[in-house]
Every structure is written in C-alpha cells, then in structure tokens.
C-alpha cells in the first residue's frame, strides 16, 4: 500500500517515487533498475525531486549501505549522481545520516 507517491519526469519517462517529501518515517528500497532511473533523474535535474525526498534518498542509501542491505557499488553510484553538487541541506544529510 502506498501512502504518498509521485511521478517525476525523467527524460520524458515516468519515475515513481514513494514516501514523497518524507510523508512517513520509513525507508524505501527500490529494485536496482529503479535506483538507476533515480540516478538519471538526479543527474538530469535534481530540482525535479523535492528537497525532502532527496534528503530521504541520501539517508536511505547511507543506512542501506551501512547495514549491508545495499551493495556498496550501487550506493556509491547513487550518491555520485550529485557529482559533488550538494546544497547545504544535502550536505547536512550526508553528515548527519552518515554518522547514524
């Protein structure tokens, strides 16, 4: 059951994102192919994804990686989508969620 979701445009293709804007406090794990679509959307224009959802992505990825739920290569590929172009809130998420 999906409480809150949206479709973000990724090069014209629909991209479903769950728990939009951190509606609920839970982690969202997608299939690898869907994570790679999210990577493409971030690279294309991360502003199409709400800030709170981007922060959730960062925190989810760091948690999945730290707990061995996600392969390191995939987690790093997702975080690399930002290409080091983090805003202040995203830097905070990297620091705070990475130390959790």
PDB file of N, CA and C in Angstrom:
ATOM      1  N   UNK A   1       0.842  -1.152   0.000  1.00  0.00           N
ATOM      2  CA  UNK A   1       0.000   0.000   0.000  1.00  0.00           C
ATOM      3  C   UNK A   1       0.885   1.210   0.000  1.00  0.00           C
ATOM      4  N   UNK A   2       0.499   2.179  -0.795  1.00  0.00           N
ATOM      5  CA  UNK A   2       1.309   3.376  -0.997  1.00  0.00           C
ATOM      6  C   UNK A   2       0.610   4.558  -0.349  1.00  0.00           C
ATOM      7  N   UNK A   3       1.258   5.161   0.638  1.00  0.00           N
ATOM      8  CA  UNK A   3       0.670   6.309   1.315  1.00  0.00           C
ATOM      9  C   UNK A   3       0.837   7.571   0.494  1.00  0.00           C
ATOM     10  N   UNK A   4       2.028   7.804  -0.009  1.00  0.00           N
ATOM     11  CA  UNK A   4       2.295   9.039  -0.732  1.00  0.00           C
ATOM     12  C   UNK A   4       3.334   8.768  -1.797  1.00  0.00           C
ATOM     13  N   UNK A   5       2.990   9.070  -3.028  1.00  0.00           N
ATOM     14  CA  UNK A   5       3.931   8.837  -4.116  1.00  0.00           C
ATOM     15  C   UNK A   5       3.734   9.900  -5.178  1.00  0.00           C
ATOM     16  N   UNK A   6       4.667   9.946  -6.089  1.00  0.00           N
ATOM     17  CA  UNK A   6       4.554  10.877  -7.198  1.00  0.00           C
ATOM     18  C   UNK A   6       5.260  10.295  -8.403  1.00  0.00           C
ATOM     19  N   UNK A   7       5.029  10.927  -9.503  1.00  0.00           N
ATOM     20  CA  UNK A   7       5.739  10.558 -10.714  1.00  0.00           C
ATOM     21  C   UNK A   7       6.593  11.747 -11.093  1.00  0.00           C
ATOM     22  N   UNK A   8       7.887  11.538 -11.131  1.00  0.00           N
ATOM     23  CA  UNK A   8       8.841  12.566 -11.518  1.00  0.00           C
ATOM     24  C   UNK A   8       9.227  12.282 -12.960  1.00  0.00           C
ATOM     25  N   UNK A   9       9.285  13.313 -13.774  1.00  0.00           N
ATOM     26  CA  UNK A   9       9.672  13.125 -15.165  1.00  0.00           C
ATOM     27  C   UNK A   9      11.178  12.950 -15.265  1.00  0.00           C
ATOM     28  N   UNK A  10      11.590  11.901 -15.950  1.00  0.00           N
ATOM     29  CA  UNK A  10      12.998  11.607 -16.185  1.00  0.00           C
ATOM     30  C   UNK A  10      13.169  11.433 -17.686  1.00  0.00           C
ATOM     31  N   UNK A  11      13.520  12.500 -18.378  1.00  0.00           N
ATOM     32  CA  UNK A  11      13.689  12.409 -19.817  1.00  0.00           C
ATOM     33  C   UNK A  11      12.423  11.980 -20.516  1.00  0.00           C
ATOM     34  N   UNK A  12      11.275  12.382 -19.967  1.00  0.00           N
ATOM     35  CA  UNK A  12      10.013  12.039 -20.577  1.00  0.00           C
ATOM     36  C   UNK A  12       9.410  10.742 -20.066  1.00  0.00           C
ATOM     37  N   UNK A  13      10.210   9.927 -19.379  1.00  0.00           N
ATOM     38  CA  UNK A  13       9.701   8.675 -18.832  1.00  0.00           C
ATOM     39  C   UNK A  13       9.214   8.895 -17.407  1.00  0.00           C
ATOM     40  N   UNK A  14       8.096   8.290 -17.030  1.00  0.00           N
ATOM     41  CA  UNK A  14       7.621   8.448 -15.653  1.00  0.00           C
ATOM     42  C   UNK A  14       8.526   7.733 -14.660  1.00  0.00           C
ATOM     43  N   UNK A  15       8.699   8.336 -13.521  1.00  0.00           N
ATOM     44  CA  UNK A  15       9.530   7.769 -12.462  1.00  0.00           C
ATOM     45  C   UNK A  15       8.744   7.844 -11.162  1.00  0.00           C
ATOM     46  N   UNK A  16       8.301   6.724 -10.667  1.00  0.00           N
ATOM     47  CA  UNK A  16       7.524   6.685  -9.432  1.00  0.00           C
ATOM     48  C   UNK A  16       8.470   6.785  -8.253  1.00  0.00           C
ATOM     49  N   UNK A  17       8.159   7.684  -7.347  1.00  0.00           N
ATOM     50  CA  UNK A  17       8.932   7.816  -6.114  1.00  0.00           C
ATOM     51  C   UNK A  17       7.962   7.700  -4.947  1.00  0.00           C
ATOM     52  N   UNK A  18       8.302   6.842  -3.985  1.00  0.00           N
ATOM     53  CA  UNK A  18       7.452   6.599  -2.830  1.00  0.00           C
ATOM     54  C   UNK A  18       7.890   7.438  -1.639  1.00  0.00           C
ATOM     55  N   UNK A  19       6.964   7.607  -0.712  1.00  0.00           N
ATOM     56  CA  UNK A  19       7.212   8.384   0.508  1.00  0.00           C
ATOM     57  C   UNK A  19       7.690   9.791   0.163  1.00  0.00           C
ATOM     58  N   UNK A  20       7.011  10.404  -0.772  1.00  0.00           N
ATOM     59  CA  UNK A  20       7.370  11.733  -1.233  1.00  0.00           C
ATOM     60  C   UNK A  20       7.391  12.727  -0.079  1.00  0.00           C
ATOM     61  N   UNK A  21       8.437  13.509  -0.033  1.00  0.00           N
ATOM     62  CA  UNK A  21       8.629  14.549   0.977  1.00  0.00           C
ATOM     63  C   UNK A  21       8.557  14.010   2.406  1.00  0.00           C
ATOM     64  N   UNK A  22       9.032  12.782   2.579  1.00  0.00           N
ATOM     65  CA  UNK A  22       9.123  12.157   3.913  1.00  0.00           C
ATOM     66  C   UNK A  22       7.785  12.144   4.627  1.00  0.00           C
ATOM     67  N   UNK A  23       6.755  11.762   3.908  1.00  0.00           N
ATOM     68  CA  UNK A  23       5.407  11.706   4.477  1.00  0.00           C
ATOM     69  C   UNK A  23       5.369  10.808   5.703  1.00  0.00           C
ATOM     70  N   UNK A  24       6.042   9.682   5.619  1.00  0.00           N
ATOM     71  CA  UNK A  24       6.114   8.758   6.740  1.00  0.00           C
ATOM     72  C   UNK A  24       7.570   8.475   7.070  1.00  0.00           C
ATOM     73  N   UNK A  25       7.843   8.053   8.296  1.00  0.00           N
ATOM     74  CA  UNK A  25       9.227   7.745   8.653  1.00  0.00           C
ATOM     75  C   UNK A  25       9.484   6.266   8.400  1.00  0.00           C
ATOM     76  N   UNK A  26       9.867   5.988   7.191  1.00  0.00           N
ATOM     77  CA  UNK A  26      10.260   4.640   6.827  1.00  0.00           C
ATOM     78  C   UNK A  26      11.193   4.721   5.628  1.00  0.00           C
ATOM     79  N   UNK A  27      11.968   3.701   5.449  1.00  0.00           N
ATOM     80  CA  UNK A  27      12.921   3.640   4.347  1.00  0.00           C
ATOM     81  C   UNK A  27      12.226   3.051   3.120  1.00  0.00           C
ATOM     82  N   UNK A  28      12.693   3.467   1.950  1.00  0.00           N
ATOM     83  CA  UNK A  28      12.147   2.936   0.705  1.00  0.00           C
ATOM     84  C   UNK A  28      13.276   2.267  -0.069  1.00  0.00           C
ATOM     85  N   UNK A  29      13.094   0.981  -0.348  1.00  0.00           N
ATOM     86  CA  UNK A  29      14.064   0.238  -1.130  1.00  0.00           C
ATOM     87  C   UNK A  29      13.438  -0.089  -2.477  1.00  0.00           C
ATOM     88  N   UNK A  30      14.111   0.352  -3.529  1.00  0.00           N
ATOM     89  CA  UNK A  30      13.663   0.073  -4.884  1.00  0.00           C
ATOM     90  C   UNK A  30      14.523  -1.036  -5.474  1.00  0.00           C
ATOM     91  N   UNK A  31      14.074  -1.594  -6.581  1.00  0.00           N
ATOM     92  CA  UNK A  31      14.916  -2.514  -7.337  1.00  0.00           C
ATOM     93  C   UNK A  31      16.071  -1.712  -7.929  1.00  0.00           C
ATOM     94  N   UNK A  32      17.175  -2.400  -8.219  1.00  0.00           N
ATOM     95  CA  UNK A  32      18.355  -1.709  -8.734  1.00  0.00           C
ATOM     96  C   UNK A  32      18.034  -0.903  -9.998  1.00  0.00           C
ATOM     97  N   UNK A  33      17.237  -1.448 -10.889  1.00  0.00           N
ATOM     98  CA  UNK A  33      16.914  -0.738 -12.136  1.00  0.00           C
ATOM     99  C   UNK A  33      16.179   0.566 -11.851  1.00  0.00           C
ATOM    100  N   UNK A  34      15.363   0.570 -10.804  1.00  0.00           N
ATOM    101  CA  UNK A  34      14.646   1.802 -10.451  1.00  0.00           C
ATOM    102  C   UNK A  34      15.594   2.816  -9.808  1.00  0.00           C
ATOM    103  N   UNK A  35      16.525   2.319  -8.988  1.00  0.00           N
ATOM    104  CA  UNK A  35      17.536   3.227  -8.419  1.00  0.00           C
ATOM    105  C   UNK A  35      18.304   3.914  -9.534  1.00  0.00           C
ATOM    106  N   UNK A  36      18.613   3.177 -10.589  1.00  0.00           N
ATOM    107  CA  UNK A  36      19.368   3.767 -11.693  1.00  0.00           C
ATOM    108  C   UNK A  36      18.549   4.816 -12.436  1.00  0.00           C
ATOM    109  N   UNK A  37      17.232   4.654 -12.469  1.00  0.00           N
ATOM    110  CA  UNK A  37      16.365   5.704 -13.034  1.00  0.00           C
ATOM    111  C   UNK A  37      16.392   6.949 -12.150  1.00  0.00           C
ATOM    112  N   UNK A  38      16.440   6.740 -10.849  1.00  0.00           N
ATOM    113  CA  UNK A  38      16.537   7.876  -9.922  1.00  0.00           C
ATOM    114  C   UNK A  38      17.868   8.589 -10.125  1.00  0.00           C
ATOM    115  N   UNK A  39      18.932   7.817 -10.319  1.00  0.00           N
ATOM    116  CA  UNK A  39      20.244   8.405 -10.622  1.00  0.00           C
ATOM    117  C   UNK A  39      20.135   9.305 -11.847  1.00  0.00           C
ATOM    118  N   UNK A  40      19.508   8.810 -12.901  1.00  0.00           N
ATOM    119  CA  UNK A  40      19.351   9.605 -14.131  1.00  0.00           C
ATOM    120  C   UNK A  40      18.558  10.879 -13.868  1.00  0.00           C
ATOM    121  N   UNK A  41      17.512  10.772 -13.051  1.00  0.00           N
ATOM    122  CA  UNK A  41      16.685  11.953 -12.745  1.00  0.00           C
ATOM    123  C   UNK A  41      17.490  12.987 -11.962  1.00  0.00           C
ATOM    124  N   UNK A  42      18.311  12.539 -11.032  1.00  0.00           N
ATOM    125  CA  UNK A  42      19.143  13.459 -10.253  1.00  0.00           C
ATOM    126  C   UNK A  42      20.150  14.143 -11.165  1.00  0.00           C
ATOM    127  N   UNK A  43      20.764  13.363 -12.035  1.00  0.00           N
ATOM    128  CA  UNK A  43      21.747  13.944 -12.950  1.00  0.00           C
ATOM    129  C   UNK A  43      21.109  14.935 -13.917  1.00  0.00           C
ATOM    130  N   UNK A  44      19.895  14.620 -14.377  1.00  0.00           N
ATOM    131  CA  UNK A  44      19.217  15.483 -15.342  1.00  0.00           C
ATOM    132  C   UNK A  44      18.847  16.819 -14.705  1.00  0.00           C
ATOM    133  N   UNK A  45      18.187  16.774 -13.554  1.00  0.00           N
ATOM    134  CA  UNK A  45      17.811  17.990 -12.831  1.00  0.00           C
ATOM    135  C   UNK A  45      17.261  17.596 -11.480  1.00  0.00           C
ATOM    136  N   UNK A  46      18.131  17.586 -10.486  1.00  0.00           N
ATOM    137  CA  UNK A  46      17.718  17.124  -9.156  1.00  0.00           C
ATOM    138  C   UNK A  46      16.585  17.954  -8.570  1.00  0.00           C
ATOM    139  N   UNK A  47      16.415  19.179  -9.056  1.00  0.00           N
ATOM    140  CA  UNK A  47      15.357  20.051  -8.535  1.00  0.00           C
ATOM    141  C   UNK A  47      13.963  19.541  -8.887  1.00  0.00           C
ATOM    142  N   UNK A  48      13.862  18.588  -9.811  1.00  0.00           N
ATOM    143  CA  UNK A  48      12.569  17.979 -10.122  1.00  0.00           C
ATOM    144  C   UNK A  48      12.104  17.046  -9.008  1.00  0.00           C
ATOM    145  N   UNK A  49      13.030  16.690  -8.125  1.00  0.00           N
ATOM    146  CA  UNK A  49      12.713  15.858  -6.969  1.00  0.00           C
ATOM    147  C   UNK A  49      12.689  16.783  -5.761  1.00  0.00           C
ATOM    148  N   UNK A  50      11.608  16.781  -4.978  1.00  0.00           N
ATOM    149  CA  UNK A  50      11.548  17.670  -3.814  1.00  0.00           C
ATOM    150  C   UNK A  50      12.757  17.484  -2.893  1.00  0.00           C
ATOM    151  N   UNK A  51      13.201  18.580  -2.292  1.00  0.00           N
ATOM    152  CA  UNK A  51      14.377  18.559  -1.421  1.00  0.00           C
ATOM    153  C   UNK A  51      14.262  17.507  -0.329  1.00  0.00           C
ATOM    154  N   UNK A  52      13.132  17.446   0.347  1.00  0.00           N
ATOM    155  CA  UNK A  52      12.999  16.475   1.440  1.00  0.00           C
ATOM    156  C   UNK A  52      13.103  15.039   0.913  1.00  0.00           C
ATOM    157  N   UNK A  53      12.668  14.808  -0.307  1.00  0.00           N
ATOM    158  CA  UNK A  53      12.800  13.481  -0.902  1.00  0.00           C
ATOM    159  C   UNK A  53      14.252  13.182  -1.246  1.00  0.00           C
ATOM    160  N   UNK A  54      14.993  14.191  -1.704  1.00  0.00           N
ATOM    161  CA  UNK A  54      16.423  13.990  -1.978  1.00  0.00           C
ATOM    162  C   UNK A  54      17.171  13.682  -0.686  1.00  0.00           C
ATOM    163  N   UNK A  55      16.820  14.368   0.380  1.00  0.00           N
ATOM    164  CA  UNK A  55      17.447  14.096   1.677  1.00  0.00           C
ATOM    165  C   UNK A  55      17.114  12.676   2.119  1.00  0.00           C
ATOM    166  N   UNK A  56      15.873  12.258   1.915  1.00  0.00           N
ATOM    167  CA  UNK A  56      15.497  10.879   2.243  1.00  0.00           C
ATOM    168  C   UNK A  56      16.307   9.877   1.443  1.00  0.00           C
ATOM    169  N   UNK A  57      16.506  10.165   0.162  1.00  0.00           N
ATOM    170  CA  UNK A  57      17.307   9.265  -0.672  1.00  0.00           C
ATOM    171  C   UNK A  57      18.704   9.129  -0.088  1.00  0.00           C
ATOM    172  N   UNK A  58      19.319  10.252   0.248  1.00  0.00           N
ATOM    173  CA  UNK A  58      20.674  10.224   0.815  1.00  0.00           C
ATOM    174  C   UNK A  58      20.697   9.410   2.104  1.00  0.00           C
ATOM    175  N   UNK A  59      19.763   9.691   3.013  1.00  0.00           N
ATOM    176  CA  UNK A  59      19.742   8.982   4.302  1.00  0.00           C
ATOM    177  C   UNK A  59      19.439   7.497   4.122  1.00  0.00           C
ATOM    178  N   UNK A  60      18.495   7.175   3.227  1.00  0.00           N
ATOM    179  CA  UNK A  60      18.191   5.765   2.975  1.00  0.00           C
ATOM    180  C   UNK A  60      19.416   5.034   2.445  1.00  0.00           C
ATOM    181  N   UNK A  61      20.084   5.633   1.468  1.00  0.00           N
ATOM    182  CA  UNK A  61      21.252   4.999   0.862  1.00  0.00           C
ATOM    183  C   UNK A  61      22.349   4.765   1.902  1.00  0.00           C
ATOM    184  N   UNK A  62      22.634   5.777   2.702  1.00  0.00           N
ATOM    185  CA  UNK A  62      23.674   5.630   3.718  1.00  0.00           C
ATOM    186  C   UNK A  62      23.310   4.549   4.726  1.00  0.00           C
ATOM    187  N   UNK A  63      22.024   4.461   5.097  1.00  0.00           N
ATOM    188  CA  UNK A  63      21.578   3.433   6.030  1.00  0.00           C
ATOM    189  C   UNK A  63      21.668   2.045   5.394  1.00  0.00           C
ATOM    190  N   UNK A  64      21.187   1.913   4.162  1.00  0.00           N
ATOM    191  CA  UNK A  64      21.255   0.626   3.476  1.00  0.00           C
ATOM    192  C   UNK A  64      22.702   0.160   3.340  1.00  0.00           C
ATOM    193  N   UNK A  65      23.570   1.082   2.989  1.00  0.00           N
ATOM    194  CA  UNK A  65      24.993   0.745   2.802  1.00  0.00           C
ATOM    195  C   UNK A  65      25.619   0.326   4.137  1.00  0.00           C
ATOM    196  N   UNK A  66      25.373   1.103   5.187  1.00  0.00           N
ATOM    197  CA  UNK A  66      25.968   0.823   6.500  1.00  0.00           C
ATOM    198  C   UNK A  66      25.494  -0.517   7.065  1.00  0.00           C
ATOM    199  N   UNK A  67      24.272  -0.907   6.740  1.00  0.00           N
ATOM    200  CA  UNK A  67      23.715  -2.141   7.286  1.00  0.00           C
ATOM    201  C   UNK A  67      23.812  -3.323   6.334  1.00  0.00           C
ATOM    202  N   UNK A  68      24.546  -3.143   5.237  1.00  0.00           N
ATOM    203  CA  UNK A  68      24.759  -4.239   4.307  1.00  0.00           C
ATOM    204  C   UNK A  68      23.529  -4.639   3.514  1.00  0.00           C
ATOM    205  N   UNK A  69      22.548  -3.747   3.435  1.00  0.00           N
ATOM    206  CA  UNK A  69      21.316  -4.040   2.706  1.00  0.00           C
ATOM    207  C   UNK A  69      21.483  -3.736   1.219  1.00  0.00           C
ATOM    208  N   UNK A  70      22.402  -2.836   0.904  1.00  0.00           N
ATOM    209  CA  UNK A  70      22.645  -2.447  -0.476  1.00  0.00           C
ATOM    210  C   UNK A  70      24.132  -2.604  -0.770  1.00  0.00           C
ATOM    211  N   UNK A  71      24.414  -3.087  -1.973  1.00  0.00           N
ATOM    212  CA  UNK A  71      25.799  -3.215  -2.404  1.00  0.00           C
ATOM    213  C   UNK A  71      26.472  -1.845  -2.417  1.00  0.00           C
ATOM    214  N   UNK A  72      27.710  -1.797  -1.992  1.00  0.00           N
ATOM    215  CA  UNK A  72      28.466  -0.545  -1.934  1.00  0.00           C
ATOM    216  C   UNK A  72      28.548   0.130  -3.292  1.00  0.00           C
ATOM    217  N   UNK A  73      28.754  -0.648  -4.354  1.00  0.00           N
ATOM    218  CA  UNK A  73      28.868  -0.062  -5.697  1.00  0.00           C
ATOM    219  C   UNK A  73      27.596   0.685  -6.093  1.00  0.00           C
ATOM    220  N   UNK A  74      26.437   0.095  -5.809  1.00  0.00           N
ATOM    221  CA  UNK A  74      25.173   0.756  -6.149  1.00  0.00           C
ATOM    222  C   UNK A  74      24.976   1.997  -5.293  1.00  0.00           C
ATOM    223  N   UNK A  75      25.227   1.884  -3.996  1.00  0.00           N
ATOM    224  CA  UNK A  75      25.074   3.038  -3.103  1.00  0.00           C
ATOM    225  C   UNK A  75      25.968   4.190  -3.553  1.00  0.00           C
ATOM    226  N   UNK A  76      27.205   3.877  -3.888  1.00  0.00           N
ATOM    227  CA  UNK A  76      28.131   4.918  -4.340  1.00  0.00           C
ATOM    228  C   UNK A  76      27.688   5.530  -5.667  1.00  0.00           C
ATOM    229  N   UNK A  77      27.150   4.711  -6.560  1.00  0.00           N
ATOM    230  CA  UNK A  77      26.668   5.229  -7.850  1.00  0.00           C
ATOM    231  C   UNK A  77      25.512   6.198  -7.654  1.00  0.00           C
ATOM    232  N   UNK A  78      24.656   5.901  -6.700  1.00  0.00           N
ATOM    233  CA  UNK A  78      23.515   6.792  -6.433  1.00  0.00           C
ATOM    234  C   UNK A  78      24.022   8.107  -5.853  1.00  0.00           C
ATOM    235  N   UNK A  79      24.901   8.034  -4.868  1.00  0.00           N
ATOM    236  CA  UNK A  79      25.430   9.261  -4.272  1.00  0.00           C
ATOM    237  C   UNK A  79      26.273  10.057  -5.263  1.00  0.00           C
ATOM    238  N   UNK A  80      26.945   9.361  -6.162  1.00  0.00           N
ATOM    239  CA  UNK A  80      27.754  10.039  -7.183  1.00  0.00           C
ATOM    240  C   UNK A  80      26.897  10.815  -8.181  1.00  0.00           C
ATOM    241  N   UNK A  81      25.606  10.521  -8.232  1.00  0.00           N
ATOM    242  CA  UNK A  81      24.715  11.219  -9.171  1.00  0.00           C
ATOM    243  C   UNK A  81      24.728  12.729  -8.925  1.00  0.00           C
ATOM    244  N   UNK A  82      24.977  13.113  -7.695  1.00  0.00           N
ATOM    245  CA  UNK A  82      25.031  14.545  -7.364  1.00  0.00           C
ATOM    246  C   UNK A  82      26.282  15.202  -7.942  1.00  0.00           C
ATOM    247  N   UNK A  83      27.279  14.399  -8.265  1.00  0.00           N
ATOM    248  CA  UNK A  83      28.526  14.908  -8.832  1.00  0.00           C
ATOM    249  C   UNK A  83      29.146  15.987  -7.939  1.00  0.00           C
ATOM    250  N   UNK A  84      29.009  15.799  -6.630  1.00  0.00           N
ATOM    251  CA  UNK A  84      29.569  16.754  -5.679  1.00  0.00           C
ATOM    252  C   UNK A  84      28.804  18.058  -5.582  1.00  0.00           C
ATOM    253  N   UNK A  85      27.696  18.165  -6.296  1.00  0.00           N
ATOM    254  CA  UNK A  85      26.906  19.401  -6.332  1.00  0.00           C
ATOM    255  C   UNK A  85      25.781  19.345  -5.300  1.00  0.00           C
ATOM    256  N   UNK A  86      26.164  19.335  -4.022  1.00  0.00           N
ATOM    257  CA  UNK A  86      25.197  19.260  -2.929  1.00  0.00           C
ATOM    258  C   UNK A  86      24.866  20.661  -2.443  1.00  0.00           C
ATOM    259  N   UNK A  87      23.584  20.871  -2.109  1.00  0.00           N
ATOM    260  CA  UNK A  87      23.249  22.128  -1.448  1.00  0.00           C
ATOM    261  C   UNK A  87      23.464  21.946   0.061  1.00  0.00           C
ATOM    262  N   UNK A  88      23.238  22.982   0.828  1.00  0.00           N
ATOM    263  CA  UNK A  88      23.525  22.956   2.259  1.00  0.00           C
ATOM    264  C   UNK A  88      22.752  21.847   2.978  1.00  0.00           C
ATOM    265  N   UNK A  89      21.489  21.682   2.629  1.00  0.00           N
ATOM    266  CA  UNK A  89      20.672  20.662   3.295  1.00  0.00           C
ATOM    267  C   UNK A  89      21.145  19.247   2.941  1.00  0.00           C
ATOM    268  N   UNK A  90      21.572  19.059   1.702  1.00  0.00           N
ATOM    269  CA  UNK A  90      22.055  17.750   1.295  1.00  0.00           C
ATOM    270  C   UNK A  90      23.387  17.421   1.968  1.00  0.00           C
ATOM    271  N   UNK A  91      24.232  18.425   2.160  1.00  0.00           N
ATOM    272  CA  UNK A  91      25.491  18.229   2.895  1.00  0.00           C
ATOM    273  C   UNK A  91      25.177  17.827   4.326  1.00  0.00           C
ATOM    274  N   UNK A  92      24.195  18.493   4.926  1.00  0.00           N
ATOM    275  CA  UNK A  92      23.780  18.149   6.287  1.00  0.00           C
ATOM    276  C   UNK A  92      23.350  16.687   6.341  1.00  0.00           C
ATOM    277  N   UNK A  93      22.552  16.258   5.350  1.00  0.00           N
ATOM    278  CA  UNK A  93      22.075  14.863   5.329  1.00  0.00           C
ATOM    279  C   UNK A  93      23.251  13.897   5.235  1.00  0.00           C
ATOM    280  N   UNK A  94      24.218  14.216   4.395  1.00  0.00           N
ATOM    281  CA  UNK A  94      25.403  13.354   4.277  1.00  0.00           C
ATOM    282  C   UNK A  94      26.119  13.231   5.612  1.00  0.00           C
ATOM    283  N   UNK A  95      26.265  14.356   6.305  1.00  0.00           N
ATOM    284  CA  UNK A  95      26.981  14.366   7.587  1.00  0.00           C
ATOM    285  C   UNK A  95      26.173  13.683   8.689  1.00  0.00           C
ATOM    286  N   UNK A  96      24.907  14.031   8.808  1.00  0.00           N
ATOM    287  CA  UNK A  96      24.086  13.518   9.907  1.00  0.00           C
ATOM    288  C   UNK A  96      23.691  12.061   9.699  1.00  0.00           C
ATOM    289  N   UNK A  97      23.251  11.731   8.517  1.00  0.00           N
ATOM    290  CA  UNK A  97      22.813  10.350   8.261  1.00  0.00           C
ATOM    291  C   UNK A  97      24.005   9.406   8.154  1.00  0.00           C
ATOM    292  N   UNK A  98      25.133   9.938   7.720  1.00  0.00           N
ATOM    293  CA  UNK A  98      26.332   9.115   7.604  1.00  0.00           C
ATOM    294  C   UNK A  98      26.953   8.759   8.941  1.00  0.00           C
ATOM    295  N   UNK A  99      26.557   9.492   9.981  1.00  0.00           N
ATOM    296  CA  UNK A  99      27.108   9.245  11.314  1.00  0.00           C
ATOM    297  C   UNK A  99      26.152   8.505  12.213  1.00  0.00           C
ATOM    298  N   UNK A 100      25.010   8.086  11.648  1.00  0.00           N
ATOM    299  CA  UNK A 100      23.956   7.458  12.451  1.00  0.00           C
ATOM    300  C   UNK A 100      24.167   6.068  12.765  1.00  0.00           C
TER     301      UNK A 100
END
